[in-house]
Amino acid sequence: MRILINCCHDRGRWRARRPAEVELGDAEEFSLYRTLAVEDPFPYSDSLHLDFLGEFTADDVREVLLRLPQTYRTPLVLVHMFGYPTREVADLVEAPLGTVLARLHRGRKLFEREMWDDARETGMLEARTR
């Protein structure tokens, strides 16, 4: 019985050390630039990407950021909103630099995907094409 209890404790400690896995779905293959070019929601625009992002308010961006998993949201906010260098972010979150860089990349991809989905859900794209 004691061996079984020790095994359960070991497994619990092992799970506590592992980060929570997040399903990325198709976000890794998603490209906001390509999607905007193909769907062309802003006809006659010379800067599709900037026009698309200009449609969002600060509250919209905050809402999309809050939908992201904490693992990806923290590095994104620290680097892009507060201007921390990635090395400092790695120290702050106590993770290796490579891990922080990977989280930034995946976080950006998830953020782009969420922005696109939010624009579709709110009808922002349909309103612009009319």
Protein backbone atom coordinates (compact mmCIF):
# COMPACT_ATOMS: atom_id res chain seq x y z
CA MET A 1 0.00 0.00 0.00
CA ARG A 2 2.85 2.40 0.84
CA ILE A 3 4.42 1.83 -2.62
CA LEU A 4 1.12 2.76 -4.29
CA ILE A 5 0.83 5.93 -2.21
CA ASN A 6 4.43 6.92 -3.04
CA CYS A 7 3.78 6.33 -6.74
CA CYS A 8 0.73 8.61 -6.60
CA HIS A 9 2.77 11.33 -4.86
CA ASP A 10 5.53 10.99 -7.47
CA ARG A 11 3.04 11.26 -10.31
CA GLY A 12 1.45 14.34 -8.71
CA ARG A 13 4.84 16.07 -8.39
CA TRP A 14 5.68 15.15 -11.98
CA ARG A 15 2.41 16.66 -13.26
CA ALA A 16 2.95 19.83 -11.21
CA ARG A 17 6.31 20.42 -12.89
CA ARG A 18 4.94 19.99 -16.41
CA PRO A 19 3.39 23.04 -18.06
CA ALA A 20 -0.19 22.74 -19.17
CA GLU A 21 -0.42 21.71 -22.80
CA VAL A 22 -2.44 23.99 -25.05
CA GLU A 23 -4.01 22.83 -28.29
CA LEU A 24 -2.99 25.22 -31.06
CA GLY A 25 -5.26 23.75 -33.70
CA ASP A 26 -4.66 25.34 -37.08
CA ALA A 27 -3.18 28.53 -35.60
CA GLU A 28 0.35 27.37 -36.42
CA GLU A 29 -0.45 27.31 -40.17
CA PHE A 30 -2.63 30.44 -40.08
CA SER A 31 -1.22 33.59 -41.65
CA LEU A 32 -3.09 36.85 -41.21
CA TYR A 33 -1.28 38.39 -44.18
CA ARG A 34 -2.26 35.57 -46.56
CA THR A 35 -5.83 35.45 -45.25
CA LEU A 36 -6.28 39.19 -45.74
CA ALA A 37 -4.81 39.00 -49.24
CA VAL A 38 -7.12 36.15 -50.27
CA GLU A 39 -10.34 37.38 -48.65
CA ASP A 40 -9.64 41.09 -49.39
CA PRO A 41 -12.02 42.61 -46.82
CA PHE A 42 -10.78 46.14 -47.62
CA PRO A 43 -11.07 46.69 -51.37
CA TYR A 44 -8.86 49.41 -52.83
CA SER A 45 -6.56 49.39 -49.80
CA ASP A 46 -2.81 49.73 -50.15
CA SER A 47 -2.16 48.56 -46.60
CA LEU A 48 -4.58 45.71 -45.88
CA HIS A 49 -2.92 44.57 -42.67
CA LEU A 50 -2.83 48.05 -41.13
CA ASP A 51 -6.40 48.78 -42.18
CA PHE A 52 -7.54 45.52 -40.60
CA LEU A 53 -5.75 46.19 -37.31
CA GLY A 54 -6.96 49.80 -37.30
CA GLU A 55 -10.54 48.58 -37.01
CA PHE A 56 -9.90 47.24 -33.49
CA THR A 57 -10.20 49.37 -30.37
CA ALA A 58 -7.98 48.95 -27.31
CA ASP A 59 -10.84 47.09 -25.60
CA ASP A 60 -11.11 44.67 -28.53
CA VAL A 61 -7.39 43.90 -28.34
CA ARG A 62 -7.58 43.46 -24.57
CA GLU A 63 -10.51 41.07 -24.96
CA VAL A 64 -8.63 38.99 -27.54
CA LEU A 65 -5.51 38.94 -25.35
CA LEU A 66 -7.54 37.69 -22.39
CA ARG A 67 -8.75 34.75 -24.48
CA LEU A 68 -5.17 33.54 -25.00
CA PRO A 69 -3.71 30.99 -22.58
CA GLN A 70 -1.60 32.57 -19.82
CA THR A 71 1.51 30.75 -21.10
CA TYR A 72 1.43 32.75 -24.33
CA ARG A 73 -0.21 35.94 -23.09
CA THR A 74 2.48 36.82 -20.53
CA PRO A 75 5.45 36.99 -22.94
CA LEU A 76 3.36 38.82 -25.55
CA VAL A 77 2.29 41.51 -23.11
CA LEU A 78 5.75 41.92 -21.58
CA VAL A 79 7.54 42.18 -24.93
CA HIS A 80 5.04 44.02 -27.12
CA MET A 81 3.19 46.21 -24.63
CA PHE A 82 5.82 46.94 -22.01
CA GLY A 83 8.90 46.70 -24.25
CA TYR A 84 10.90 44.20 -22.20
CA PRO A 85 13.74 42.44 -24.05
CA THR A 86 13.18 38.71 -24.45
CA ARG A 87 16.14 37.88 -22.20
CA GLU A 88 14.56 39.83 -19.35
CA VAL A 89 11.22 38.14 -19.99
CA ALA A 90 12.96 34.77 -19.76
CA ASP A 91 14.33 35.79 -16.36
CA LEU A 92 10.96 37.11 -15.20
CA VAL A 93 9.02 33.99 -16.12
CA GLU A 94 11.91 31.74 -15.09
CA ALA A 95 12.07 29.90 -18.41
CA PRO A 96 14.89 29.34 -20.90
CA LEU A 97 15.27 31.95 -23.65
CA GLY A 98 14.39 29.42 -26.36
CA THR A 99 11.16 28.55 -24.57
CA VAL A 100 10.19 32.21 -24.32
CA LEU A 101 10.95 32.74 -28.03
CA ALA A 102 8.80 29.71 -28.93
CA ARG A 103 5.98 31.01 -26.71
CA LEU A 104 6.20 34.41 -28.38
CA HIS A 105 5.96 32.86 -31.84
CA ARG A 106 3.03 30.64 -30.92
CA GLY A 107 1.39 33.47 -29.00
CA ARG A 108 1.58 35.77 -32.02
CA LYS A 109 0.05 33.09 -34.22
CA LEU A 110 -2.76 32.48 -31.72
CA PHE A 111 -3.30 36.23 -31.37
CA GLU A 112 -3.58 36.69 -35.15
CA ARG A 113 -6.03 33.82 -35.37
CA GLU A 114 -8.13 35.17 -32.50
CA MET A 115 -8.16 38.66 -34.05
CA TRP A 116 -9.41 37.21 -37.34
CA ASP A 117 -12.05 35.10 -35.59
CA ASP A 118 -13.17 38.09 -33.51
CA ALA A 119 -13.53 40.22 -36.65
CA ARG A 120 -15.67 37.55 -38.26
CA GLU A 121 -17.82 36.98 -35.15
CA THR A 122 -18.54 40.68 -34.66
CA GLY A 123 -19.35 41.20 -38.33
CA MET A 124 -16.59 43.75 -38.79
CA LEU A 125 -15.54 42.27 -42.12
CA GLU A 126 -19.03 42.13 -43.60
CA ALA A 127 -19.66 45.75 -42.68
CA ARG A 128 -16.50 46.86 -44.54
CA THR A 129 -17.23 45.00 -47.78
CA ARG A 130 -20.62 46.63 -48.28
